[in-house]
């Protein structure tokens, strides 16, 4: 698919993540989160997870982009952003993250907002939160 055709195919909400290297970013997304890779070069990867499209870019791929000047810092990326992956089993994602040596910031736990989730850190400092909906409870049978 051409870049123009890919761009025209995008709908809904998507995001680009600036990463140091494409290979480890793709590894985390596919092996831990279960994302699908459908196009990749050394500077770019197009991914899909739960029906949503997202991309990885290295800073060099942003030459000519207004953001390029902000990408030269070695500061961690993604500070203050949570990338929430609904319908990704947090227990399985946590186990895969541990098996591949990624940082688990918080293990899988049922949360009061109706989700079971964990908190994982990738090599570029992005926080990913795989989660599943908890079953609805009947308060009259407490």
Protein backbone atom coordinates (compact mmCIF):
# COMPACT_ATOMS: atom_id res chain seq x y z
CA UNK A 1 0.00 0.00 0.00
CA UNK A 2 1.36 3.42 -0.84
CA UNK A 3 1.85 6.03 1.88
CA UNK A 4 -0.94 8.11 0.37
CA UNK A 5 -3.33 5.14 0.29
CA UNK A 6 -2.41 4.28 3.88
CA UNK A 7 -3.10 7.87 4.97
CA UNK A 8 -6.50 7.83 3.27
CA UNK A 9 -7.36 4.53 5.02
CA UNK A 10 -6.98 5.95 8.55
CA UNK A 11 -10.09 6.68 10.61
CA UNK A 12 -10.98 7.44 14.22
CA UNK A 13 -8.19 8.16 16.69
CA UNK A 14 -4.59 7.27 15.96
CA UNK A 15 -1.22 8.31 17.29
CA UNK A 16 2.45 8.50 16.37
CA UNK A 17 5.10 7.64 18.92
CA UNK A 18 8.63 8.92 18.48
CA UNK A 19 11.01 6.11 19.49
CA UNK A 20 14.77 5.70 19.56
CA UNK A 21 14.65 2.53 17.43
CA UNK A 22 11.81 0.90 15.52
CA UNK A 23 12.80 -2.73 16.21
CA UNK A 24 12.42 -2.70 20.03
CA UNK A 25 9.21 -0.65 19.78
CA UNK A 26 7.68 -3.17 17.38
CA UNK A 27 8.87 -6.03 19.60
CA UNK A 28 7.12 -4.57 22.67
CA UNK A 29 3.90 -3.84 20.75
CA UNK A 30 3.67 -7.24 19.08
CA UNK A 31 5.09 -9.56 21.74
CA UNK A 32 3.65 -7.92 24.86
CA UNK A 33 0.48 -6.19 23.68
CA UNK A 34 -0.44 -8.44 20.75
CA UNK A 35 -0.47 -5.61 18.19
CA UNK A 36 -0.21 -6.38 14.49
CA UNK A 37 2.59 -4.98 12.34
CA UNK A 38 1.57 -4.35 8.76
CA UNK A 39 4.36 -2.13 7.40
CA UNK A 40 7.87 -1.40 8.54
CA UNK A 41 11.11 0.30 7.53
CA UNK A 42 14.15 1.21 9.63
CA UNK A 43 12.58 4.60 10.48
CA UNK A 44 8.85 3.83 10.59
CA UNK A 45 6.35 1.11 11.49
CA UNK A 46 2.58 1.02 11.00
CA UNK A 47 0.73 -0.97 13.65
CA UNK A 48 -2.82 -1.91 14.57
CA UNK A 49 -4.25 -2.84 17.96
CA UNK A 50 -7.90 -3.32 18.81
CA UNK A 51 -8.99 -1.73 15.54
CA UNK A 52 -6.88 1.41 16.13
CA UNK A 53 -3.94 2.46 14.00
CA UNK A 54 -0.72 3.80 15.43
CA UNK A 55 2.79 4.37 14.18
CA UNK A 56 6.35 4.40 15.41
CA UNK A 57 8.80 6.93 13.97
CA UNK A 58 12.43 7.62 14.81
CA UNK A 59 13.38 11.32 15.12
CA UNK A 60 15.20 11.30 11.76
CA UNK A 61 11.92 10.51 10.00
CA UNK A 62 10.59 13.86 11.28
CA UNK A 63 13.09 16.00 9.35
CA UNK A 64 11.08 18.77 7.78
CA UNK A 65 8.34 18.39 10.41
CA UNK A 66 7.68 21.23 12.84
CA UNK A 67 8.36 18.88 15.79
CA UNK A 68 11.85 17.86 14.65
CA UNK A 69 13.67 20.50 16.77
CA UNK A 70 11.97 19.19 19.92
CA UNK A 71 13.10 15.61 19.31
CA UNK A 72 16.84 16.05 19.85
CA UNK A 73 16.70 15.69 23.65
CA UNK A 74 17.61 12.46 25.43
CA UNK A 75 14.75 13.01 27.89
CA UNK A 76 12.30 10.11 28.23
CA UNK A 77 9.28 10.33 25.96
CA UNK A 78 5.70 10.07 27.01
CA UNK A 79 5.96 11.55 30.50
CA UNK A 80 2.41 12.08 31.74
CA UNK A 81 0.77 10.09 28.96
CA UNK A 82 -0.92 6.72 29.48
CA UNK A 83 -1.48 4.62 26.38
CA UNK A 84 -4.54 2.57 27.30
CA UNK A 85 -5.10 -0.66 25.40
CA UNK A 86 -8.63 -1.84 26.04
CA UNK A 87 -9.44 -5.52 25.44
CA UNK A 88 -5.79 -6.57 25.92
CA UNK A 89 -5.57 -9.10 28.75
CA UNK A 90 -3.49 -7.41 31.47
CA UNK A 91 -2.44 -10.67 33.13
CA UNK A 92 -1.11 -12.08 29.88
CA UNK A 93 0.53 -8.76 28.90
CA UNK A 94 2.20 -8.53 32.31
CA UNK A 95 3.53 -12.10 32.01
CA UNK A 96 4.86 -11.44 28.51
CA UNK A 97 6.45 -8.16 29.62
CA UNK A 98 8.23 -9.91 32.48
CA UNK A 99 9.33 -12.75 30.18
CA UNK A 100 10.87 -10.25 27.74
CA UNK A 101 12.53 -8.16 30.47
CA UNK A 102 10.33 -5.07 30.26
CA UNK A 103 9.51 -2.99 33.34
CA UNK A 104 6.21 -3.73 35.07
CA UNK A 105 5.28 -0.55 36.96
CA UNK A 106 2.13 -2.13 38.41
CA UNK A 107 0.97 -5.73 38.20
CA UNK A 108 -2.52 -6.68 37.04
CA UNK A 109 -5.20 -5.65 39.53
CA UNK A 110 -8.96 -5.01 39.54
CA UNK A 111 -9.60 -1.27 39.71
CA UNK A 112 -12.68 0.51 41.09
CA UNK A 113 -13.34 2.11 37.69
CA UNK A 114 -14.42 -1.27 36.29
CA UNK A 115 -11.22 -2.42 34.63
CA UNK A 116 -8.56 -4.99 35.40
CA UNK A 117 -5.29 -3.44 34.29
CA UNK A 118 -1.53 -3.39 34.64
CA UNK A 119 1.01 -0.69 33.89
CA UNK A 120 4.00 -1.46 31.65
CA UNK A 121 6.96 0.65 30.58
CA UNK A 122 8.57 0.22 27.17
CA UNK A 123 12.20 1.01 26.28
CA UNK A 124 11.36 4.58 25.24
CA UNK A 125 9.60 5.48 28.50
CA UNK A 126 6.02 5.16 27.26
CA UNK A 127 3.51 3.82 29.77
CA UNK A 128 1.13 1.22 28.32
CA UNK A 129 -1.94 0.06 30.25
CA UNK A 130 -3.49 -3.15 28.92
CA UNK A 131 -6.96 -3.62 30.38
CA UNK A 132 -10.11 -5.73 30.31
CA UNK A 133 -13.58 -4.80 31.49
CA UNK A 134 -14.60 -6.34 34.81
CA UNK A 135 -17.97 -8.09 34.98
CA UNK A 136 -20.78 -5.92 36.23
CA UNK A 137 -21.64 -6.76 39.83
CA UNK A 138 -25.11 -6.75 41.34
CA UNK A 139 -25.00 -4.48 44.43
CA UNK A 140 -28.13 -6.13 45.92
CA UNK A 141 -26.23 -9.47 46.21
CA UNK A 142 -23.25 -8.07 48.14
